[in-house]
Amino acid sequence: MALVGFCAGVVSLPLLLITQADKLSQDSSWFIPAVLLSLAVPIVGALNGLIYAVLGYPLYRWITARVDLHTYSGEFELVKRSDDREI
């Protein structure tokens, strides 16, 4: 989830820079806030994803313990691998 949050921050960074361009351009030293924004958005996204993962995992475990979602049924056959046959 941290990686997903980081990637979401990277993808949303151009949109954020475009929407905040008028505020950034009003500052005489616009370069420093733009660089800080470019560094902070992916890091905050990763931390946000990590927090959601830590908070959401107990709920996920609780739900899957009560509702049998991740089970397989049926018969399974083990396939032996030989050199002349591909699996």
N, C-alpha and C. Protein backbone atom coordinates (compact mmCIF):
# COMPACT_ATOMS: atom_id res chain seq x y z
N MET A 1 0.82 -1.19 0.00
CA MET A 1 0.00 0.00 0.00
C MET A 1 0.86 1.26 0.00
N ALA A 2 2.03 1.18 0.64
CA ALA A 2 2.92 2.33 0.62
C ALA A 2 3.40 2.62 -0.80
N LEU A 3 3.67 1.56 -1.55
CA LEU A 3 4.09 1.73 -2.95
C LEU A 3 2.95 2.31 -3.79
N VAL A 4 1.74 1.85 -3.55
CA VAL A 4 0.58 2.39 -4.26
C VAL A 4 0.39 3.87 -3.93
N GLY A 5 0.53 4.21 -2.65
CA GLY A 5 0.41 5.61 -2.26
C GLY A 5 1.51 6.47 -2.86
N PHE A 6 2.73 5.94 -2.91
CA PHE A 6 3.83 6.68 -3.53
C PHE A 6 3.56 6.92 -5.01
N CYS A 7 3.11 5.88 -5.71
CA CYS A 7 2.81 6.02 -7.14
C CYS A 7 1.65 6.98 -7.37
N ALA A 8 0.65 6.94 -6.49
CA ALA A 8 -0.46 7.89 -6.61
C ALA A 8 0.03 9.32 -6.41
N GLY A 9 0.98 9.50 -5.51
CA GLY A 9 1.55 10.83 -5.32
C GLY A 9 2.32 11.30 -6.53
N VAL A 10 3.07 10.39 -7.15
CA VAL A 10 3.83 10.76 -8.35
C VAL A 10 2.90 11.10 -9.50
N VAL A 11 1.84 10.31 -9.65
CA VAL A 11 0.90 10.54 -10.76
C VAL A 11 0.10 11.83 -10.53
N SER A 12 -0.26 12.12 -9.28
CA SER A 12 -1.07 13.31 -9.02
C SER A 12 -0.25 14.59 -8.91
N LEU A 13 1.08 14.46 -8.89
CA LEU A 13 1.92 15.64 -8.74
C LEU A 13 1.74 16.66 -9.87
N PRO A 14 1.71 16.27 -11.15
CA PRO A 14 1.49 17.29 -12.20
C PRO A 14 0.15 18.01 -12.06
N LEU A 15 -0.89 17.27 -11.70
CA LEU A 15 -2.20 17.91 -11.50
C LEU A 15 -2.14 18.89 -10.34
N LEU A 16 -1.47 18.52 -9.28
CA LEU A 16 -1.34 19.41 -8.14
C LEU A 16 -0.52 20.65 -8.48
N LEU A 17 0.55 20.47 -9.24
CA LEU A 17 1.36 21.62 -9.65
C LEU A 17 0.58 22.56 -10.56
N ILE A 18 -0.25 21.99 -11.43
CA ILE A 18 -1.05 22.83 -12.33
C ILE A 18 -2.10 23.61 -11.54
N THR A 19 -2.77 22.93 -10.61
CA THR A 19 -3.82 23.63 -9.85
C THR A 19 -3.25 24.65 -8.87
N GLN A 20 -2.03 24.45 -8.43
CA GLN A 20 -1.41 25.38 -7.48
C GLN A 20 -0.44 26.34 -8.15
N ALA A 21 -0.42 26.37 -9.47
CA ALA A 21 0.54 27.21 -10.19
C ALA A 21 0.34 28.69 -9.90
N ASP A 22 -0.90 29.14 -9.77
CA ASP A 22 -1.12 30.56 -9.50
C ASP A 22 -0.59 30.96 -8.13
N LYS A 23 -0.73 30.08 -7.13
CA LYS A 23 -0.20 30.38 -5.80
C LYS A 23 1.32 30.32 -5.78
N LEU A 24 1.88 29.36 -6.53
CA LEU A 24 3.34 29.25 -6.58
C LEU A 24 3.96 30.42 -7.33
N SER A 25 3.30 30.88 -8.38
CA SER A 25 3.87 31.97 -9.18
C SER A 25 3.81 33.32 -8.47
N GLN A 26 2.91 33.47 -7.51
CA GLN A 26 2.83 34.73 -6.77
C GLN A 26 4.04 34.93 -5.85
N ASP A 27 4.65 33.82 -5.45
CA ASP A 27 5.82 33.91 -4.59
C ASP A 27 7.04 34.24 -5.44
N SER A 28 7.87 35.13 -4.95
CA SER A 28 9.05 35.53 -5.75
C SER A 28 10.06 34.39 -5.85
N SER A 29 10.14 33.58 -4.83
CA SER A 29 11.04 32.41 -4.90
C SER A 29 10.17 31.16 -5.07
N TRP A 30 9.53 31.04 -6.20
CA TRP A 30 8.58 29.96 -6.46
C TRP A 30 9.28 28.62 -6.60
N PHE A 31 10.56 28.60 -6.88
CA PHE A 31 11.27 27.36 -7.14
C PHE A 31 11.34 26.48 -5.89
N ILE A 32 11.59 27.08 -4.74
CA ILE A 32 11.73 26.30 -3.49
C ILE A 32 10.40 25.64 -3.09
N PRO A 33 9.27 26.35 -3.09
CA PRO A 33 8.01 25.65 -2.77
C PRO A 33 7.65 24.58 -3.80
N ALA A 34 7.97 24.80 -5.07
CA ALA A 34 7.67 23.79 -6.08
C ALA A 34 8.50 22.52 -5.85
N VAL A 35 9.77 22.69 -5.49
CA VAL A 35 10.62 21.52 -5.21
C VAL A 35 10.15 20.80 -3.95
N LEU A 36 9.83 21.56 -2.92
CA LEU A 36 9.32 20.94 -1.69
C LEU A 36 8.01 20.20 -1.93
N LEU A 37 7.15 20.78 -2.74
CA LEU A 37 5.89 20.13 -3.08
C LEU A 37 6.16 18.85 -3.86
N SER A 38 7.11 18.91 -4.79
CA SER A 38 7.44 17.74 -5.60
C SER A 38 8.03 16.61 -4.76
N LEU A 39 8.73 16.94 -3.71
CA LEU A 39 9.28 15.92 -2.83
C LEU A 39 8.27 15.43 -1.80
N ALA A 40 7.43 16.33 -1.33
CA ALA A 40 6.52 15.98 -0.24
C ALA A 40 5.32 15.14 -0.70
N VAL A 41 4.82 15.38 -1.89
CA VAL A 41 3.60 14.70 -2.33
C VAL A 41 3.80 13.18 -2.42
N PRO A 42 4.84 12.65 -3.05
CA PRO A 42 5.01 11.19 -3.04
C PRO A 42 5.27 10.61 -1.64
N ILE A 43 5.99 11.35 -0.81
CA ILE A 43 6.27 10.84 0.54
C ILE A 43 4.99 10.81 1.38
N VAL A 44 4.19 11.85 1.28
CA VAL A 44 2.92 11.87 2.01
C VAL A 44 1.98 10.80 1.47
N GLY A 45 2.00 10.58 0.17
CA GLY A 45 1.19 9.50 -0.40
C GLY A 45 1.60 8.14 0.11
N ALA A 46 2.90 7.89 0.21
CA ALA A 46 3.39 6.61 0.74
C ALA A 46 3.01 6.44 2.20
N LEU A 47 3.15 7.50 2.99
CA LEU A 47 2.76 7.41 4.40
C LEU A 47 1.26 7.20 4.55
N ASN A 48 0.49 7.86 3.71
CA ASN A 48 -0.96 7.68 3.73
C ASN A 48 -1.35 6.24 3.39
N GLY A 49 -0.71 5.68 2.39
CA GLY A 49 -0.97 4.28 2.05
C GLY A 49 -0.57 3.34 3.16
N LEU A 50 0.54 3.62 3.82
CA LEU A 50 0.99 2.79 4.93
C LEU A 50 0.02 2.86 6.11
N ILE A 51 -0.47 4.05 6.40
CA ILE A 51 -1.45 4.19 7.49
C ILE A 51 -2.73 3.43 7.15
N TYR A 52 -3.21 3.55 5.92
CA TYR A 52 -4.42 2.82 5.53
C TYR A 52 -4.20 1.31 5.62
N ALA A 53 -3.01 0.84 5.27
CA ALA A 53 -2.73 -0.59 5.35
C ALA A 53 -2.72 -1.06 6.80
N VAL A 54 -2.09 -0.30 7.67
CA VAL A 54 -2.03 -0.68 9.09
C VAL A 54 -3.42 -0.67 9.72
N LEU A 55 -4.21 0.31 9.38
CA LEU A 55 -5.56 0.39 9.94
C LEU A 55 -6.53 -0.59 9.28
N GLY A 56 -6.33 -0.87 8.01
CA GLY A 56 -7.27 -1.71 7.29
C GLY A 56 -7.03 -3.20 7.43
N TYR A 57 -5.80 -3.61 7.75
CA TYR A 57 -5.50 -5.05 7.82
C TYR A 57 -6.29 -5.76 8.92
N PRO A 58 -6.41 -5.20 10.13
CA PRO A 58 -7.25 -5.91 11.13
C PRO A 58 -8.70 -6.07 10.69
N LEU A 59 -9.24 -5.07 10.02
CA LEU A 59 -10.60 -5.18 9.51
C LEU A 59 -10.69 -6.27 8.43
N TYR A 60 -9.71 -6.33 7.57
CA TYR A 60 -9.65 -7.37 6.54
C TYR A 60 -9.60 -8.76 7.18
N ARG A 61 -8.74 -8.93 8.19
CA ARG A 61 -8.63 -10.23 8.86
C ARG A 61 -9.93 -10.59 9.57
N TRP A 62 -10.58 -9.61 10.17
CA TRP A 62 -11.83 -9.86 10.88
C TRP A 62 -12.92 -10.30 9.91
N ILE A 63 -13.01 -9.62 8.77
CA ILE A 63 -14.04 -9.96 7.78
C ILE A 63 -13.77 -11.33 7.17
N THR A 64 -12.53 -11.60 6.79
CA THR A 64 -12.23 -12.88 6.15
C THR A 64 -12.30 -14.04 7.13
N ALA A 65 -12.17 -13.80 8.43
CA ALA A 65 -12.35 -14.88 9.40
C ALA A 65 -13.81 -15.28 9.53
N ARG A 66 -14.71 -14.34 9.30
CA ARG A 66 -16.14 -14.62 9.45
C ARG A 66 -16.81 -15.00 8.13
N VAL A 67 -16.33 -14.50 7.06
CA VAL A 67 -16.90 -14.80 5.75
C VAL A 67 -15.86 -15.61 4.99
N ASP A 68 -16.25 -16.76 4.51
CA ASP A 68 -15.32 -17.68 3.86
C ASP A 68 -15.10 -17.27 2.41
N LEU A 69 -14.27 -16.25 2.19
CA LEU A 69 -14.07 -15.73 0.85
C LEU A 69 -12.90 -16.39 0.11
N HIS A 70 -11.86 -16.73 0.84
CA HIS A 70 -10.63 -17.18 0.20
C HIS A 70 -10.43 -18.69 0.34
N THR A 71 -11.41 -19.45 -0.08
CA THR A 71 -11.26 -20.91 -0.01
C THR A 71 -11.45 -21.49 -1.40
N TYR A 72 -10.78 -22.56 -1.61
CA TYR A 72 -10.91 -23.30 -2.86
C TYR A 72 -11.50 -24.66 -2.52
N SER A 73 -12.33 -25.14 -3.41
CA SER A 73 -12.91 -26.46 -3.19
C SER A 73 -12.76 -27.26 -4.49
N GLY A 74 -12.84 -28.53 -4.33
CA GLY A 74 -12.70 -29.40 -5.49
C GLY A 74 -11.51 -30.32 -5.34
N GLU A 75 -11.20 -30.98 -6.40
CA GLU A 75 -10.07 -31.91 -6.38
C GLU A 75 -8.90 -31.29 -7.13
N PHE A 76 -7.75 -31.49 -6.56
CA PHE A 76 -6.53 -30.96 -7.15
C PHE A 76 -5.60 -32.11 -7.49
N GLU A 77 -4.94 -31.97 -8.59
CA GLU A 77 -4.01 -33.00 -9.02
C GLU A 77 -2.62 -32.38 -9.11
N LEU A 78 -1.66 -33.03 -8.48
CA LEU A 78 -0.29 -32.57 -8.56
C LEU A 78 0.30 -33.04 -9.88
N VAL A 79 0.86 -32.13 -10.61
CA VAL A 79 1.44 -32.44 -11.91
C VAL A 79 2.94 -32.55 -11.73
N LYS A 80 3.47 -33.70 -12.13
CA LYS A 80 4.92 -33.88 -12.05
C LYS A 80 5.55 -33.30 -13.29
N ARG A 81 6.66 -32.64 -13.08
CA ARG A 81 7.35 -32.01 -14.20
C ARG A 81 8.40 -32.96 -14.74
N SER A 82 8.34 -33.17 -16.03
CA SER A 82 9.36 -33.98 -16.68
C SER A 82 10.05 -33.13 -17.74
N ASP A 83 11.21 -33.55 -18.17
CA ASP A 83 12.00 -32.77 -19.11
C ASP A 83 11.35 -32.70 -20.49
N ASP A 84 10.63 -33.74 -20.88
CA ASP A 84 10.06 -33.76 -22.23
C ASP A 84 8.68 -33.10 -22.32
N ARG A 85 8.11 -32.76 -21.19
CA ARG A 85 6.78 -32.18 -21.18
C ARG A 85 6.77 -30.85 -20.45
N GLU A 86 6.17 -29.83 -21.06
CA GLU A 86 6.07 -28.54 -20.38
C GLU A 86 4.75 -28.47 -19.64
N ILE A 87 4.75 -27.71 -18.60
CA ILE A 87 3.52 -27.55 -17.81
C ILE A 87 2.76 -26.36 -18.34
